[in-house]
Amino acid sequence: MLTPLSAAARPMDGFPGHGSYDPSGFRRSGSPEDDPETPTLSVSFEASTIRSDRVAVATIDCAGAHPEEVQCHPVTPGFEIQLLDERVVQDGLIIVGMRIHRRIGAIRRLCLVRFSVRGVSAVASITVLH
């Protein structure tokens, strides 16, 4: 026999959301939403494609961060990144320059770059040609 729809729609004991509906779904304790001190980080490149060894410019949005706190490294194998010392803050955004070098033998493709500031990180992508 099938359970009536009204009984199946009720929350069960021992599960999150028991007694009230939580539209956000299940949340882990200790998530960034629970800690107002944890900054959020978003990153974007100014161009979608560059040539190897040319300067790429990235814009980083992280409230309260300082330019010298920015770190980055390639996630995609076959690439090396040199973060330039010249960095600036403009309208609350950190603007950094970097040289992305495609190693010999690496095919031209999308390079994923992980940026980290104050313990949080974000990934941005850029296509690196020969």
N, C-alpha and C. Protein backbone atom coordinates (compact mmCIF):
# COMPACT_ATOMS: atom_id res chain seq x y z
N MET A 1 0.84 -1.18 0.00
CA MET A 1 0.00 0.00 0.00
C MET A 1 0.88 1.24 0.00
N LEU A 2 0.53 2.23 -0.78
CA LEU A 2 1.29 3.46 -0.88
C LEU A 2 0.96 4.41 0.27
N THR A 3 1.96 5.17 0.69
CA THR A 3 1.76 6.18 1.72
C THR A 3 1.01 7.35 1.13
N PRO A 4 0.01 7.87 1.84
CA PRO A 4 -0.71 9.04 1.32
C PRO A 4 0.25 10.21 1.12
N LEU A 5 -0.02 11.02 0.12
CA LEU A 5 0.83 12.15 -0.22
C LEU A 5 1.01 13.10 0.96
N SER A 6 -0.04 13.34 1.73
CA SER A 6 0.06 14.26 2.85
C SER A 6 1.04 13.74 3.90
N ALA A 7 1.14 12.46 4.10
CA ALA A 7 2.07 11.88 5.07
C ALA A 7 3.49 11.89 4.52
N ALA A 8 3.65 11.67 3.21
CA ALA A 8 4.97 11.64 2.61
C ALA A 8 5.61 13.02 2.56
N ALA A 9 4.82 14.07 2.55
CA ALA A 9 5.33 15.43 2.44
C ALA A 9 5.77 16.00 3.78
N ARG A 10 5.43 15.33 4.89
CA ARG A 10 5.81 15.84 6.20
C ARG A 10 7.27 15.50 6.50
N PRO A 11 8.00 16.42 7.19
CA PRO A 11 9.38 16.12 7.56
C PRO A 11 9.42 15.00 8.58
N MET A 12 10.50 14.22 8.52
CA MET A 12 10.65 13.09 9.43
C MET A 12 11.54 13.49 10.60
N ASP A 13 11.31 12.86 11.75
CA ASP A 13 12.15 13.12 12.93
C ASP A 13 13.59 12.76 12.63
N GLY A 14 14.53 13.56 13.15
CA GLY A 14 15.94 13.27 12.99
C GLY A 14 16.56 13.86 11.74
N PHE A 15 15.79 14.55 10.90
CA PHE A 15 16.32 15.16 9.69
C PHE A 15 16.26 16.67 9.81
N PRO A 16 17.21 17.40 9.19
CA PRO A 16 17.17 18.86 9.25
C PRO A 16 15.86 19.39 8.68
N GLY A 17 15.39 20.47 9.27
CA GLY A 17 14.16 21.07 8.78
C GLY A 17 12.92 20.52 9.44
N HIS A 18 13.07 19.61 10.44
CA HIS A 18 11.91 19.04 11.11
C HIS A 18 11.12 20.14 11.79
N GLY A 19 9.86 20.20 11.52
CA GLY A 19 8.98 21.17 12.15
C GLY A 19 8.79 22.44 11.35
N SER A 20 9.68 22.74 10.41
CA SER A 20 9.49 23.92 9.56
C SER A 20 10.16 23.67 8.21
N TYR A 21 9.71 24.36 7.23
CA TYR A 21 10.24 24.19 5.88
C TYR A 21 11.42 25.13 5.70
N ASP A 22 12.55 24.59 5.23
CA ASP A 22 13.74 25.38 4.96
C ASP A 22 13.98 25.36 3.46
N PRO A 23 13.65 26.45 2.72
CA PRO A 23 13.76 26.44 1.26
C PRO A 23 15.19 26.33 0.76
N SER A 24 16.17 26.59 1.61
CA SER A 24 17.56 26.52 1.16
C SER A 24 18.08 25.09 1.15
N GLY A 25 17.33 24.16 1.65
CA GLY A 25 17.78 22.76 1.67
C GLY A 25 18.62 22.49 2.89
N PHE A 26 19.36 21.39 2.85
CA PHE A 26 20.19 21.01 3.98
C PHE A 26 21.46 21.84 3.99
N ARG A 27 21.83 22.34 5.15
CA ARG A 27 23.06 23.12 5.29
C ARG A 27 23.96 22.44 6.30
N ARG A 28 25.24 22.46 6.00
CA ARG A 28 26.21 21.95 6.95
C ARG A 28 26.47 23.02 7.99
N SER A 29 26.73 22.58 9.21
CA SER A 29 27.11 23.58 10.21
C SER A 29 28.52 24.05 9.91
N GLY A 30 28.79 25.29 10.21
CA GLY A 30 30.11 25.84 9.97
C GLY A 30 30.32 26.30 8.53
N SER A 31 29.25 26.48 7.78
CA SER A 31 29.38 26.94 6.41
C SER A 31 29.70 28.43 6.41
N PRO A 32 30.25 28.97 5.29
CA PRO A 32 30.60 30.39 5.24
C PRO A 32 29.42 31.33 5.52
N GLU A 33 28.19 30.86 5.24
CA GLU A 33 27.03 31.73 5.50
C GLU A 33 26.84 31.95 6.99
N ASP A 34 27.31 31.00 7.82
CA ASP A 34 27.14 31.11 9.27
C ASP A 34 28.15 32.05 9.91
N ASP A 35 29.27 32.32 9.25
CA ASP A 35 30.33 33.15 9.81
C ASP A 35 30.42 34.46 9.04
N PRO A 36 29.93 35.56 9.63
CA PRO A 36 29.96 36.84 8.90
C PRO A 36 31.37 37.37 8.69
N GLU A 37 32.38 36.84 9.41
CA GLU A 37 33.75 37.30 9.28
C GLU A 37 34.46 36.70 8.07
N THR A 38 33.94 35.61 7.51
CA THR A 38 34.56 34.98 6.36
C THR A 38 34.27 35.80 5.11
N PRO A 39 35.33 36.31 4.45
CA PRO A 39 35.09 37.13 3.25
C PRO A 39 34.68 36.28 2.05
N THR A 40 34.02 36.89 1.10
CA THR A 40 33.71 36.21 -0.16
C THR A 40 34.70 36.71 -1.20
N LEU A 41 34.96 35.87 -2.19
CA LEU A 41 35.97 36.19 -3.20
C LEU A 41 35.40 35.88 -4.57
N SER A 42 35.51 36.85 -5.46
CA SER A 42 35.16 36.62 -6.86
C SER A 42 36.26 37.19 -7.74
N VAL A 43 36.53 36.50 -8.84
CA VAL A 43 37.64 36.85 -9.72
C VAL A 43 37.18 36.80 -11.16
N SER A 44 37.70 37.73 -11.98
CA SER A 44 37.44 37.68 -13.42
C SER A 44 38.65 38.24 -14.15
N PHE A 45 38.89 37.67 -15.34
CA PHE A 45 39.97 38.18 -16.19
C PHE A 45 39.40 39.25 -17.10
N GLU A 46 40.24 40.23 -17.47
CA GLU A 46 39.82 41.30 -18.36
C GLU A 46 39.65 40.81 -19.79
N ALA A 47 40.37 39.76 -20.17
CA ALA A 47 40.28 39.19 -21.52
C ALA A 47 40.07 37.69 -21.39
N SER A 48 39.47 37.09 -22.38
CA SER A 48 39.22 35.65 -22.33
C SER A 48 40.36 34.85 -22.94
N THR A 49 41.20 35.49 -23.75
CA THR A 49 42.30 34.81 -24.44
C THR A 49 43.55 35.69 -24.42
N ILE A 50 44.70 35.07 -24.15
CA ILE A 50 45.98 35.78 -24.25
C ILE A 50 47.00 34.87 -24.90
N ARG A 51 48.12 35.43 -25.30
CA ARG A 51 49.24 34.63 -25.80
C ARG A 51 50.18 34.33 -24.64
N SER A 52 50.86 33.20 -24.73
CA SER A 52 51.81 32.79 -23.69
C SER A 52 52.84 33.88 -23.46
N ASP A 53 53.20 34.11 -22.23
CA ASP A 53 54.18 35.09 -21.76
C ASP A 53 53.71 36.54 -21.83
N ARG A 54 52.48 36.78 -22.22
CA ARG A 54 51.93 38.14 -22.20
C ARG A 54 51.27 38.39 -20.84
N VAL A 55 51.02 39.64 -20.55
CA VAL A 55 50.41 40.01 -19.27
C VAL A 55 48.89 39.86 -19.33
N ALA A 56 48.35 39.17 -18.35
CA ALA A 56 46.90 39.06 -18.18
C ALA A 56 46.52 39.89 -16.97
N VAL A 57 45.36 40.50 -17.01
CA VAL A 57 44.89 41.35 -15.92
C VAL A 57 43.66 40.71 -15.30
N ALA A 58 43.68 40.58 -13.97
CA ALA A 58 42.55 40.00 -13.24
C ALA A 58 42.00 41.01 -12.25
N THR A 59 40.69 40.99 -12.09
CA THR A 59 40.00 41.85 -11.12
C THR A 59 39.49 40.96 -10.00
N ILE A 60 39.82 41.31 -8.77
CA ILE A 60 39.48 40.51 -7.60
C ILE A 60 38.60 41.32 -6.68
N ASP A 61 37.47 40.75 -6.29
CA ASP A 61 36.55 41.40 -5.38
C ASP A 61 36.53 40.63 -4.07
N CYS A 62 37.13 41.21 -3.04
CA CYS A 62 37.16 40.60 -1.71
C CYS A 62 37.18 41.75 -0.70
N ALA A 63 36.07 41.96 -0.03
CA ALA A 63 35.92 43.09 0.87
C ALA A 63 36.99 43.07 1.96
N GLY A 64 37.66 44.19 2.14
CA GLY A 64 38.64 44.34 3.20
C GLY A 64 40.01 43.76 2.90
N ALA A 65 40.21 43.20 1.72
CA ALA A 65 41.50 42.59 1.38
C ALA A 65 42.48 43.65 0.90
N HIS A 66 43.75 43.36 1.06
CA HIS A 66 44.81 44.24 0.60
C HIS A 66 45.50 43.59 -0.59
N PRO A 67 46.01 44.37 -1.53
CA PRO A 67 46.63 43.81 -2.74
C PRO A 67 47.77 42.82 -2.46
N GLU A 68 48.54 43.06 -1.40
CA GLU A 68 49.67 42.17 -1.12
C GLU A 68 49.22 40.81 -0.58
N GLU A 69 47.95 40.65 -0.22
CA GLU A 69 47.44 39.36 0.28
C GLU A 69 47.06 38.40 -0.85
N VAL A 70 47.01 38.88 -2.08
CA VAL A 70 46.58 38.06 -3.20
C VAL A 70 47.68 37.07 -3.59
N GLN A 71 47.29 35.82 -3.75
CA GLN A 71 48.19 34.78 -4.23
C GLN A 71 47.46 34.04 -5.35
N CYS A 72 48.24 33.45 -6.28
CA CYS A 72 47.61 32.66 -7.33
C CYS A 72 48.57 31.58 -7.80
N HIS A 73 47.99 30.52 -8.33
CA HIS A 73 48.78 29.45 -8.93
C HIS A 73 47.92 28.73 -9.96
N PRO A 74 48.58 28.10 -10.95
CA PRO A 74 47.82 27.41 -11.99
C PRO A 74 47.25 26.09 -11.46
N VAL A 75 46.05 25.79 -11.85
CA VAL A 75 45.42 24.52 -11.51
C VAL A 75 45.65 23.54 -12.66
N THR A 76 45.65 24.04 -13.89
CA THR A 76 45.84 23.21 -15.08
C THR A 76 47.33 22.90 -15.26
N PRO A 77 47.69 21.62 -15.44
CA PRO A 77 49.09 21.27 -15.66
C PRO A 77 49.62 21.87 -16.97
N GLY A 78 50.91 22.20 -17.01
CA GLY A 78 51.53 22.72 -18.21
C GLY A 78 51.63 24.23 -18.26
N PHE A 79 51.29 24.90 -17.17
CA PHE A 79 51.34 26.37 -17.13
C PHE A 79 52.11 26.83 -15.91
N GLU A 80 52.78 27.97 -16.05
CA GLU A 80 53.46 28.64 -14.94
C GLU A 80 52.92 30.06 -14.87
N ILE A 81 52.77 30.58 -13.66
CA ILE A 81 52.24 31.94 -13.48
C ILE A 81 53.18 32.75 -12.62
N GLN A 82 53.46 33.97 -13.10
CA GLN A 82 54.26 34.93 -12.34
C GLN A 82 53.35 36.10 -12.00
N LEU A 83 53.01 36.23 -10.73
CA LEU A 83 52.17 37.34 -10.28
C LEU A 83 53.05 38.58 -10.18
N LEU A 84 52.68 39.65 -10.88
CA LEU A 84 53.49 40.87 -10.90
C LEU A 84 53.32 41.65 -9.59
N ASP A 85 54.36 42.41 -9.24
CA ASP A 85 54.33 43.19 -8.00
C ASP A 85 53.39 44.39 -8.08
N GLU A 86 53.18 44.91 -9.28
CA GLU A 86 52.32 46.08 -9.44
C GLU A 86 50.86 45.66 -9.27
N ARG A 87 50.24 46.14 -8.22
CA ARG A 87 48.84 45.85 -7.93
C ARG A 87 48.18 47.14 -7.47
N VAL A 88 46.90 47.26 -7.73
CA VAL A 88 46.21 48.51 -7.40
C VAL A 88 44.81 48.19 -6.89
N VAL A 89 44.29 49.09 -6.05
CA VAL A 89 42.90 49.00 -5.59
C VAL A 89 42.14 50.14 -6.24
N GLN A 90 41.05 49.80 -6.93
CA GLN A 90 40.24 50.80 -7.60
C GLN A 90 38.77 50.47 -7.40
N ASP A 91 38.03 51.39 -6.85
CA ASP A 91 36.60 51.21 -6.55
C ASP A 91 36.34 49.96 -5.71
N GLY A 92 37.25 49.67 -4.76
CA GLY A 92 37.08 48.53 -3.88
C GLY A 92 37.51 47.20 -4.49
N LEU A 93 37.99 47.21 -5.73
CA LEU A 93 38.44 45.99 -6.40
C LEU A 93 39.96 45.99 -6.50
N ILE A 94 40.55 44.82 -6.36
CA ILE A 94 42.00 44.69 -6.50
C ILE A 94 42.29 44.27 -7.93
N ILE A 95 43.18 45.00 -8.58
CA ILE A 95 43.54 44.70 -9.97
C ILE A 95 45.00 44.24 -9.96
N VAL A 96 45.23 43.03 -10.49
CA VAL A 96 46.58 42.46 -10.52
C VAL A 96 46.94 42.07 -11.94
N GLY A 97 48.23 42.08 -12.21
CA GLY A 97 48.74 41.62 -13.49
C GLY A 97 49.56 40.37 -13.28
N MET A 98 49.58 39.50 -14.27
CA MET A 98 50.36 38.27 -14.18
C MET A 98 50.79 37.83 -15.57
N ARG A 99 51.92 37.15 -15.62
CA ARG A 99 52.37 36.54 -16.86
C ARG A 99 52.05 35.06 -16.77
N ILE A 100 51.39 34.55 -17.78
CA ILE A 100 51.07 33.13 -17.84
C ILE A 100 51.91 32.51 -18.94
N HIS A 101 52.74 31.56 -18.55
CA HIS A 101 53.64 30.90 -19.49
C HIS A 101 53.15 29.47 -19.74
N ARG A 102 52.99 29.14 -21.01
CA ARG A 102 52.62 27.78 -21.40
C ARG A 102 53.92 27.02 -21.66
N ARG A 103 54.15 25.97 -20.89
CA ARG A 103 55.38 25.19 -21.01
C ARG A 103 55.46 24.50 -22.37
N ILE A 104 56.69 24.19 -22.79
CA ILE A 104 56.91 23.48 -24.05
C ILE A 104 56.21 22.13 -23.99
N GLY A 105 55.48 21.83 -25.03
CA GLY A 105 54.75 20.57 -25.10
C GLY A 105 53.31 20.66 -24.63
N ALA A 106 52.99 21.70 -23.86
CA ALA A 106 51.60 21.87 -23.41
C ALA A 106 50.78 22.41 -24.57
N ILE A 107 49.61 21.86 -24.75
CA ILE A 107 48.75 22.32 -25.84
C ILE A 107 48.08 23.62 -25.45
N ARG A 108 47.71 24.40 -26.47
CA ARG A 108 47.00 25.64 -26.16
C ARG A 108 45.60 25.25 -25.70
N ARG A 109 45.27 25.76 -24.57
CA ARG A 109 43.97 25.42 -24.01
C ARG A 109 43.63 26.33 -22.85
N LEU A 110 42.52 26.01 -22.23
CA LEU A 110 42.03 26.75 -21.10
C LEU A 110 42.94 26.54 -19.89
N CYS A 111 43.35 27.60 -19.26
CA CYS A 111 44.16 27.53 -18.05
C CYS A 111 43.30 27.97 -16.87
N LEU A 112 43.16 27.10 -15.89
CA LEU A 112 42.44 27.46 -14.68
C LEU A 112 43.44 28.02 -13.68
N VAL A 113 43.11 29.16 -13.09
CA VAL A 113 43.98 29.84 -12.15
C VAL A 113 43.24 29.98 -10.83
N ARG A 114 43.84 29.48 -9.75
CA ARG A 114 43.24 29.61 -8.43
C ARG A 114 43.84 30.82 -7.72
N PHE A 115 42.96 31.73 -7.31
CA PHE A 115 43.34 32.91 -6.54
C PHE A 115 42.93 32.66 -5.10
N SER A 116 43.77 33.10 -4.16
CA SER A 116 43.41 32.97 -2.76
C SER A 116 43.75 34.26 -2.01
N VAL A 117 42.84 34.63 -1.13
CA VAL A 117 42.99 35.82 -0.30
C VAL A 117 42.36 35.50 1.05
N ARG A 118 43.10 35.69 2.12
CA ARG A 118 42.57 35.53 3.48
C ARG A 118 41.90 34.18 3.73
N GLY A 119 42.43 33.12 3.20
CA GLY A 119 41.89 31.79 3.46
C GLY A 119 40.74 31.37 2.58
N VAL A 120 40.26 32.24 1.69
CA VAL A 120 39.23 31.85 0.73
C VAL A 120 39.84 31.83 -0.65
N SER A 121 39.27 31.04 -1.55
CA SER A 121 39.83 30.97 -2.90
C SER A 121 38.72 30.92 -3.94
N ALA A 122 39.11 31.26 -5.16
CA ALA A 122 38.19 31.22 -6.30
C ALA A 122 39.03 30.87 -7.53
N VAL A 123 38.38 30.27 -8.51
CA VAL A 123 39.05 29.86 -9.74
C VAL A 123 38.49 30.65 -10.91
N ALA A 124 39.39 31.12 -11.77
CA ALA A 124 38.99 31.81 -13.00
C ALA A 124 39.72 31.12 -14.15
N SER A 125 39.17 31.24 -15.35
CA SER A 125 39.78 30.58 -16.50
C SER A 125 40.14 31.57 -17.59
N ILE A 126 41.20 31.23 -18.32
CA ILE A 126 41.65 32.04 -19.44
C ILE A 126 42.30 31.10 -20.45
N THR A 127 42.07 31.34 -21.75
CA THR A 127 42.67 30.53 -22.79
C THR A 127 44.04 31.10 -23.13
N VAL A 128 45.06 30.23 -23.14
CA VAL A 128 46.44 30.65 -23.40
C VAL A 128 46.88 30.03 -24.73
N LEU A 129 47.18 30.90 -25.70
CA LEU A 129 47.64 30.47 -27.02
C LEU A 129 49.16 30.40 -27.03
N HIS A 130 49.73 29.92 -28.15
CA HIS A 130 51.19 29.81 -28.28
C HIS A 130 51.85 31.17 -28.38
